[in-house]
Amino acid sequence: MQPRNMSMSGVVDLAAVKAAQEAKAKAEQARAEAARNGGGGAVSPSSLVIDVNEADFESAVLQRSAEVPVVIDFWAEWCEPCKQLSPLLERLAAEYSGRFVLAKIDVDANQMLMQQFGVQGIPAVFAVVAGQALPLFQGAAPEEQIRGTLDQLIQVAEERFGLTGITVDPEAEGQAPVVEEAPAGPYDALLEAAVQALDAGDLDGAVQAYKNVLSDDPGNTEAKLGLGQAQLLQRVQGLDPQQVRRDAAEKPADVRAQIAAADLDLVGGHVEDAFGRLVETVGRSAGEDRDAARVRLLELFEVVGADDPRVTTARTALARVLF
């Protein structure tokens, strides 16, 4: 069994906007189904921590991640650090009360999942949100650090994917999870129109739809992310990748060539390469060329997302070459 729709580069990639809309649709569908069944039931605290194997990974993790963030704890009986981390994660799952679900995977019994996630050592902790996988940390991290990581995960899940968690009731043992009701946003129709335009290959229409949202709500995170992605796809449309990369390799001082190559890097999922290329270009250029490279780098930051650690690292590197 192969996990589908996995992006090990992080929650945010070029499919993030579509994934977000699909996740919201699934969450709404789950709420509607619960309502049809008389309101459904909340989950018990014990169901917030589950043992997962290769056979039930799709239903227990991938499908569940459309309703609530799923944190994955890769562990083994012989792993001493795991004996410290796993109980801490279980305690936090209960304390966060439905903001995330903890899935425990024994690597000795599930070697295929371990390989598919690229686990190099245990304990290793990942998360899956709306079918998108991302690494969180490896090793027995301090509780304060783990809490900070979980808080960021929950914030991203809510802001980008509309996942607000599941209801927990100590007396609701064994009942199905119900996603907490969240009011529809005022720009859902426009955002949906943008996604439909992207699916149809109408990049101009998608760009305009996102701009329409931002004209009224400049801080709308989903629209900013979607606009950056749609504009990126516009820029690379029609480019000859081989020629672009040849130009970038043969003309390291050509800022326009480096900017075009950075766009292709990002579209291909090579986030660090794109950022590194532009930071180096800013460092060795001046005047309008330097400003053009800097502005494009800031635009790519918007595509990836301000809370991505790779953006934080690149911002630091950019500050060093600028100042």
Protein backbone atom coordinates (compact mmCIF):
# COMPACT_ATOMS: atom_id res chain seq x y z
CA MET A 1 0.00 0.00 0.00
CA GLN A 2 1.42 3.32 -1.05
CA PRO A 3 0.43 6.58 0.71
CA ARG A 4 -1.04 8.93 -1.84
CA ASN A 5 -0.84 12.71 -2.16
CA MET A 6 2.28 12.86 0.00
CA SER A 7 4.60 15.85 -0.22
CA MET A 8 7.61 15.38 2.01
CA SER A 9 8.79 18.91 1.21
CA GLY A 10 6.25 20.33 3.65
CA VAL A 11 2.60 21.24 3.99
CA VAL A 12 2.81 23.97 1.39
CA ASP A 13 3.49 23.02 -2.22
CA LEU A 14 2.00 23.89 -5.61
CA ALA A 15 -1.03 21.70 -4.88
CA ALA A 16 -1.68 23.29 -1.49
CA VAL A 17 -4.55 25.53 -2.56
CA LYS A 18 -6.41 22.70 -4.22
CA ALA A 19 -5.69 20.41 -1.29
CA ALA A 20 -7.02 23.03 1.09
CA GLN A 21 -10.28 23.33 -0.81
CA GLU A 22 -10.64 19.55 -1.00
CA ALA A 23 -9.94 19.26 2.73
CA LYS A 24 -12.55 21.89 3.52
CA ALA A 25 -15.06 20.12 1.30
CA LYS A 26 -14.40 16.79 3.03
CA ALA A 27 -14.71 18.39 6.45
CA GLU A 28 -18.01 19.99 5.47
CA GLN A 29 -19.18 16.66 4.09
CA ALA A 30 -18.32 14.96 7.39
CA ARG A 31 -20.26 17.59 9.34
CA ALA A 32 -23.26 17.20 7.05
CA GLU A 33 -23.15 13.41 7.40
CA ALA A 34 -23.00 13.73 11.19
CA ALA A 35 -25.98 16.08 11.12
CA ARG A 36 -27.99 13.62 9.01
CA ASN A 37 -27.24 10.95 11.61
CA GLY A 38 -28.75 12.99 14.38
CA GLY A 39 -25.74 15.12 15.16
CA GLY A 40 -23.21 12.31 15.28
CA GLY A 41 -21.02 11.56 18.27
CA ALA A 42 -17.88 13.00 19.69
CA VAL A 43 -14.74 10.90 20.10
CA SER A 44 -13.50 9.55 23.38
CA PRO A 45 -10.10 10.62 24.75
CA SER A 46 -8.72 7.13 24.16
CA SER A 47 -9.42 7.40 20.41
CA LEU A 48 -7.02 10.36 20.12
CA VAL A 49 -4.12 7.88 20.23
CA ILE A 50 -4.24 5.03 17.72
CA ASP A 51 -1.94 2.24 16.59
CA VAL A 52 -1.59 2.24 12.81
CA ASN A 53 -0.19 -0.34 10.39
CA GLU A 54 0.28 -0.59 6.64
CA ALA A 55 -3.17 -2.13 6.12
CA ASP A 56 -5.15 0.67 7.76
CA PHE A 57 -2.82 3.60 7.05
CA GLU A 58 -5.03 5.07 4.33
CA SER A 59 -8.22 5.12 6.41
CA ALA A 60 -6.62 5.86 9.78
CA VAL A 61 -4.20 8.55 8.61
CA LEU A 62 -4.79 9.81 5.07
CA GLN A 63 -8.58 9.96 5.26
CA ARG A 64 -8.57 11.18 8.87
CA SER A 65 -6.19 13.98 7.93
CA ALA A 66 -9.00 15.61 5.95
CA GLU A 67 -10.73 16.24 9.30
CA VAL A 68 -7.92 16.78 11.81
CA PRO A 69 -4.09 16.94 11.74
CA VAL A 70 -2.59 13.48 12.30
CA VAL A 71 0.76 13.39 14.10
CA ILE A 72 2.75 10.20 13.42
CA ASP A 73 5.12 8.73 16.01
CA PHE A 74 7.54 6.20 14.48
CA TRP A 75 8.81 4.05 17.36
CA ALA A 76 10.09 0.59 18.31
CA GLU A 77 10.08 -1.45 21.50
CA TRP A 78 13.89 -1.51 21.67
CA CYS A 79 14.23 2.28 21.26
CA GLU A 80 15.03 3.88 24.63
CA PRO A 81 14.35 7.52 23.53
CA CYS A 82 10.99 6.35 22.21
CA LYS A 83 10.05 5.29 25.73
CA GLN A 84 10.44 8.92 26.79
CA LEU A 85 8.88 10.60 23.76
CA SER A 86 5.83 8.38 23.13
CA PRO A 87 4.22 8.88 26.57
CA LEU A 88 4.80 12.64 26.25
CA LEU A 89 3.08 12.73 22.85
CA GLU A 90 0.18 10.69 24.22
CA ARG A 91 -0.21 13.09 27.13
CA LEU A 92 -0.15 16.08 24.79
CA ALA A 93 -2.74 14.45 22.50
CA ALA A 94 -5.08 14.24 25.48
CA GLU A 95 -4.25 17.77 26.63
CA TYR A 96 -4.84 19.29 23.17
CA SER A 97 -8.23 17.57 23.26
CA GLY A 98 -8.99 16.93 19.60
CA ARG A 99 -6.76 19.51 17.95
CA PHE A 100 -4.68 16.61 16.60
CA VAL A 101 -4.74 12.80 16.57
CA LEU A 102 -1.63 10.77 17.40
CA ALA A 103 -0.91 7.74 15.17
CA LYS A 104 1.74 5.34 16.52
CA ILE A 105 3.63 3.22 13.98
CA ASP A 106 5.91 0.38 15.08
CA VAL A 107 8.76 0.47 12.55
CA ASP A 108 9.68 -3.18 13.11
CA ALA A 109 6.23 -4.28 11.96
CA ASN A 110 5.80 -1.60 9.27
CA GLN A 111 9.06 -1.33 7.36
CA MET A 112 7.34 -0.17 4.18
CA LEU A 113 5.83 2.88 5.87
CA MET A 114 9.18 3.67 7.45
CA GLN A 115 10.83 3.61 4.01
CA GLN A 116 8.08 5.62 2.33
CA PHE A 117 8.46 8.42 4.87
CA GLY A 118 12.24 8.31 4.56
CA VAL A 119 12.75 7.69 8.29
CA GLN A 120 16.47 7.57 9.00
CA GLY A 121 16.29 7.01 12.74
CA ILE A 122 13.79 6.81 15.58
CA PRO A 123 12.01 8.28 17.31
CA ALA A 124 10.84 10.30 14.32
CA VAL A 125 7.71 12.42 14.25
CA PHE A 126 5.80 13.46 11.12
CA ALA A 127 2.40 14.98 10.47
CA VAL A 128 -0.21 14.58 7.74
CA VAL A 129 -2.63 17.44 7.06
CA ALA A 130 -5.22 17.16 4.27
CA GLY A 131 -3.17 14.36 2.72
CA GLN A 132 0.02 16.42 2.79
CA ALA A 133 2.89 14.96 4.84
CA LEU A 134 5.70 16.87 6.50
CA PRO A 135 8.50 16.02 8.90
CA LEU A 136 8.24 17.61 12.36
CA PHE A 137 11.31 16.49 14.33
CA GLN A 138 13.55 13.53 15.10
CA GLY A 139 14.72 12.41 18.52
CA ALA A 140 13.38 12.98 22.00
CA ALA A 141 12.89 16.76 21.76
CA PRO A 142 12.16 18.90 24.83
CA GLU A 143 8.48 19.32 25.71
CA GLU A 144 8.56 23.08 25.14
CA GLN A 145 9.91 22.58 21.61
CA ILE A 146 7.31 19.91 20.88
CA ARG A 147 4.51 22.17 22.08
CA GLY A 148 5.74 24.97 19.82
CA THR A 149 5.85 22.61 16.84
CA LEU A 150 2.33 21.33 17.55
CA ASP A 151 1.02 24.88 17.90
CA GLN A 152 2.46 25.79 14.48
CA LEU A 153 1.00 22.63 12.94
CA ILE A 154 -2.46 23.37 14.34
CA GLN A 155 -2.30 26.97 13.13
CA VAL A 156 -1.35 25.93 9.60
CA ALA A 157 -4.07 23.26 9.55
CA GLU A 158 -6.72 25.78 10.54
CA GLU A 159 -5.61 28.76 8.46
CA ARG A 160 -4.72 26.95 5.23
CA PHE A 161 -6.87 23.86 5.29
CA GLY A 162 -9.88 24.84 7.39
CA LEU A 163 -9.31 22.02 9.90
CA THR A 164 -10.46 23.05 13.37
CA GLY A 165 -10.19 19.69 15.13
CA ILE A 166 -12.66 17.15 16.46
CA THR A 167 -14.96 17.17 19.48
CA VAL A 168 -13.92 15.09 22.47
CA ASP A 169 -16.40 13.68 25.01
CA PRO A 170 -15.19 11.40 27.84
CA GLU A 171 -18.53 9.54 27.70
CA ALA A 172 -18.52 9.09 23.92
CA GLU A 173 -16.40 5.93 23.83
CA GLY A 174 -16.17 4.37 20.39
CA GLN A 175 -18.23 6.89 18.48
CA ALA A 176 -17.18 8.46 15.20
CA PRO A 177 -15.35 11.81 15.18
CA VAL A 178 -17.23 14.98 14.32
CA VAL A 179 -15.44 18.07 13.06
CA GLU A 180 -16.27 21.19 15.02
CA GLU A 181 -18.55 23.54 13.13
CA ALA A 182 -16.72 26.46 11.58
CA PRO A 183 -18.50 29.36 9.92
CA ALA A 184 -18.01 29.73 6.19
CA GLY A 185 -15.69 32.54 5.23
CA PRO A 186 -16.99 35.51 3.24
CA TYR A 187 -14.66 34.76 0.31
CA ASP A 188 -15.24 31.01 -0.07
CA ALA A 189 -17.02 31.43 -3.44
CA LEU A 190 -14.21 33.56 -4.88
CA LEU A 191 -11.55 31.17 -3.60
CA GLU A 192 -13.43 28.22 -5.06
CA ALA A 193 -13.63 30.08 -8.39
CA ALA A 194 -9.87 30.55 -8.30
CA VAL A 195 -9.29 26.83 -7.69
CA GLN A 196 -11.63 25.92 -10.53
CA ALA A 197 -9.75 28.29 -12.81
CA LEU A 198 -6.46 26.65 -11.84
CA ASP A 199 -7.91 23.20 -12.55
CA ALA A 200 -9.04 24.42 -15.98
CA GLY A 201 -5.62 25.89 -16.75
CA ASP A 202 -7.03 29.43 -16.71
CA LEU A 203 -4.13 31.06 -14.86
CA ASP A 204 -5.27 34.58 -15.73
CA GLY A 205 -8.69 33.87 -14.26
CA ALA A 206 -7.16 32.38 -11.11
CA VAL A 207 -4.88 35.38 -10.62
CA GLN A 208 -7.80 37.77 -10.98
CA ALA A 209 -9.97 35.78 -8.56
CA TYR A 210 -7.28 35.84 -5.90
CA LYS A 211 -6.72 39.56 -6.47
CA ASN A 212 -10.44 40.15 -6.00
CA VAL A 213 -10.23 38.58 -2.55
CA LEU A 214 -7.09 40.49 -1.60
CA SER A 215 -8.56 43.81 -2.71
CA ASP A 216 -11.08 43.51 0.14
CA ASP A 217 -9.01 41.41 2.54
CA PRO A 218 -5.26 42.07 2.01
CA GLY A 219 -4.32 39.71 4.83
CA ASN A 220 -6.19 36.66 3.51
CA THR A 221 -3.58 33.90 3.85
CA GLU A 222 -5.15 31.46 1.40
CA ALA A 223 -5.54 34.12 -1.30
CA LYS A 224 -1.96 35.35 -0.86
CA LEU A 225 -0.65 31.81 -1.15
CA GLY A 226 -2.84 31.05 -4.15
CA LEU A 227 -1.94 34.27 -5.95
CA GLY A 228 1.76 33.61 -5.54
CA GLN A 229 1.40 30.09 -6.88
CA ALA A 230 -0.77 31.11 -9.83
CA GLN A 231 1.66 33.89 -10.79
CA LEU A 232 4.56 31.47 -10.52
CA LEU A 233 2.82 29.06 -12.89
CA GLN A 234 2.16 31.96 -15.26
CA ARG A 235 5.85 32.82 -15.36
CA VAL A 236 7.07 29.30 -16.12
CA GLN A 237 4.36 28.57 -18.67
CA GLY A 238 5.93 28.20 -22.08
CA LEU A 239 9.52 28.19 -20.82
CA ASP A 240 12.01 25.68 -22.18
CA PRO A 241 13.42 24.16 -18.95
CA GLN A 242 16.59 22.87 -20.61
CA GLN A 243 17.35 26.24 -22.16
CA VAL A 244 16.62 28.09 -18.93
CA ARG A 245 18.98 25.86 -16.96
CA ARG A 246 21.62 26.06 -19.67
CA ASP A 247 21.48 29.85 -19.61
CA ALA A 248 21.69 29.91 -15.81
CA ALA A 249 24.72 27.60 -15.80
CA GLU A 250 26.56 29.44 -18.59
CA LYS A 251 25.72 32.96 -17.42
CA PRO A 252 26.00 33.10 -13.62
CA ALA A 253 26.03 36.92 -13.72
CA ASP A 254 22.81 37.09 -15.76
CA VAL A 255 20.22 37.99 -13.12
CA ARG A 256 17.22 37.34 -15.37
CA ALA A 257 18.54 33.86 -16.16
CA GLN A 258 18.98 33.10 -12.46
CA ILE A 259 15.49 34.38 -11.64
CA ALA A 260 13.93 32.16 -14.33
CA ALA A 261 15.90 29.15 -13.09
CA ALA A 262 14.79 29.84 -9.51
CA ASP A 263 11.15 29.80 -10.63
CA LEU A 264 11.70 26.40 -12.24
CA ASP A 265 13.49 25.17 -9.11
CA LEU A 266 10.47 26.01 -7.00
CA VAL A 267 7.95 24.51 -9.40
CA GLY A 268 10.03 21.34 -9.32
CA GLY A 269 9.91 21.25 -5.52
CA HIS A 270 13.56 22.28 -5.03
CA VAL A 271 12.79 24.99 -2.50
CA GLU A 272 16.26 25.35 -0.97
CA ASP A 273 17.85 25.46 -4.44
CA ALA A 274 15.53 28.26 -5.54
CA PHE A 275 16.16 30.31 -2.38
CA GLY A 276 19.90 29.67 -2.43
CA ARG A 277 20.20 30.67 -6.08
CA LEU A 278 18.49 34.00 -5.50
CA VAL A 279 20.34 34.77 -2.28
CA GLU A 280 23.63 34.24 -4.13
CA THR A 281 22.38 36.41 -7.00
CA VAL A 282 21.47 39.22 -4.63
CA GLY A 283 24.90 38.94 -3.03
CA ARG A 284 26.85 39.33 -6.26
CA SER A 285 24.68 41.90 -8.07
CA ALA A 286 23.90 45.59 -7.61
CA GLY A 287 21.38 48.28 -8.50
CA GLU A 288 18.23 47.30 -10.36
CA ASP A 289 19.46 43.75 -10.93
CA ARG A 290 19.97 43.22 -7.23
CA ASP A 291 16.55 44.62 -6.45
CA ALA A 292 14.91 42.39 -9.07
CA ALA A 293 16.46 39.27 -7.53
CA ARG A 294 15.49 40.39 -4.02
CA VAL A 295 11.88 41.08 -5.01
CA ARG A 296 11.54 37.72 -6.74
CA LEU A 297 12.92 35.99 -3.65
CA LEU A 298 10.32 37.72 -1.49
CA GLU A 299 7.62 36.62 -3.95
CA LEU A 300 8.80 33.02 -3.68
CA PHE A 301 8.65 33.32 0.11
CA GLU A 302 4.93 34.07 -0.30
CA VAL A 303 4.49 30.95 -2.42
CA VAL A 304 6.05 28.67 0.18
CA GLY A 305 4.57 30.39 3.24
CA ALA A 306 6.06 32.67 5.85
CA ASP A 307 6.00 30.05 8.62
CA ASP A 308 8.01 27.49 6.65
CA PRO A 309 11.43 27.00 8.31
CA ARG A 310 13.13 27.15 4.91
CA VAL A 311 11.77 30.66 4.48
CA THR A 312 13.11 31.65 7.89
CA THR A 313 16.54 30.31 6.99
CA ALA A 314 16.55 32.06 3.62
CA ARG A 315 15.46 35.37 5.17
CA THR A 316 18.45 35.18 7.50
CA ALA A 317 20.76 34.45 4.57
CA LEU A 318 19.24 37.32 2.59
CA ALA A 319 19.80 39.72 5.50
CA ARG A 320 23.47 38.70 5.64
CA VAL A 321 24.10 39.51 1.97
CA LEU A 322 22.10 42.73 2.11
CA PHE A 323 23.62 44.15 5.26
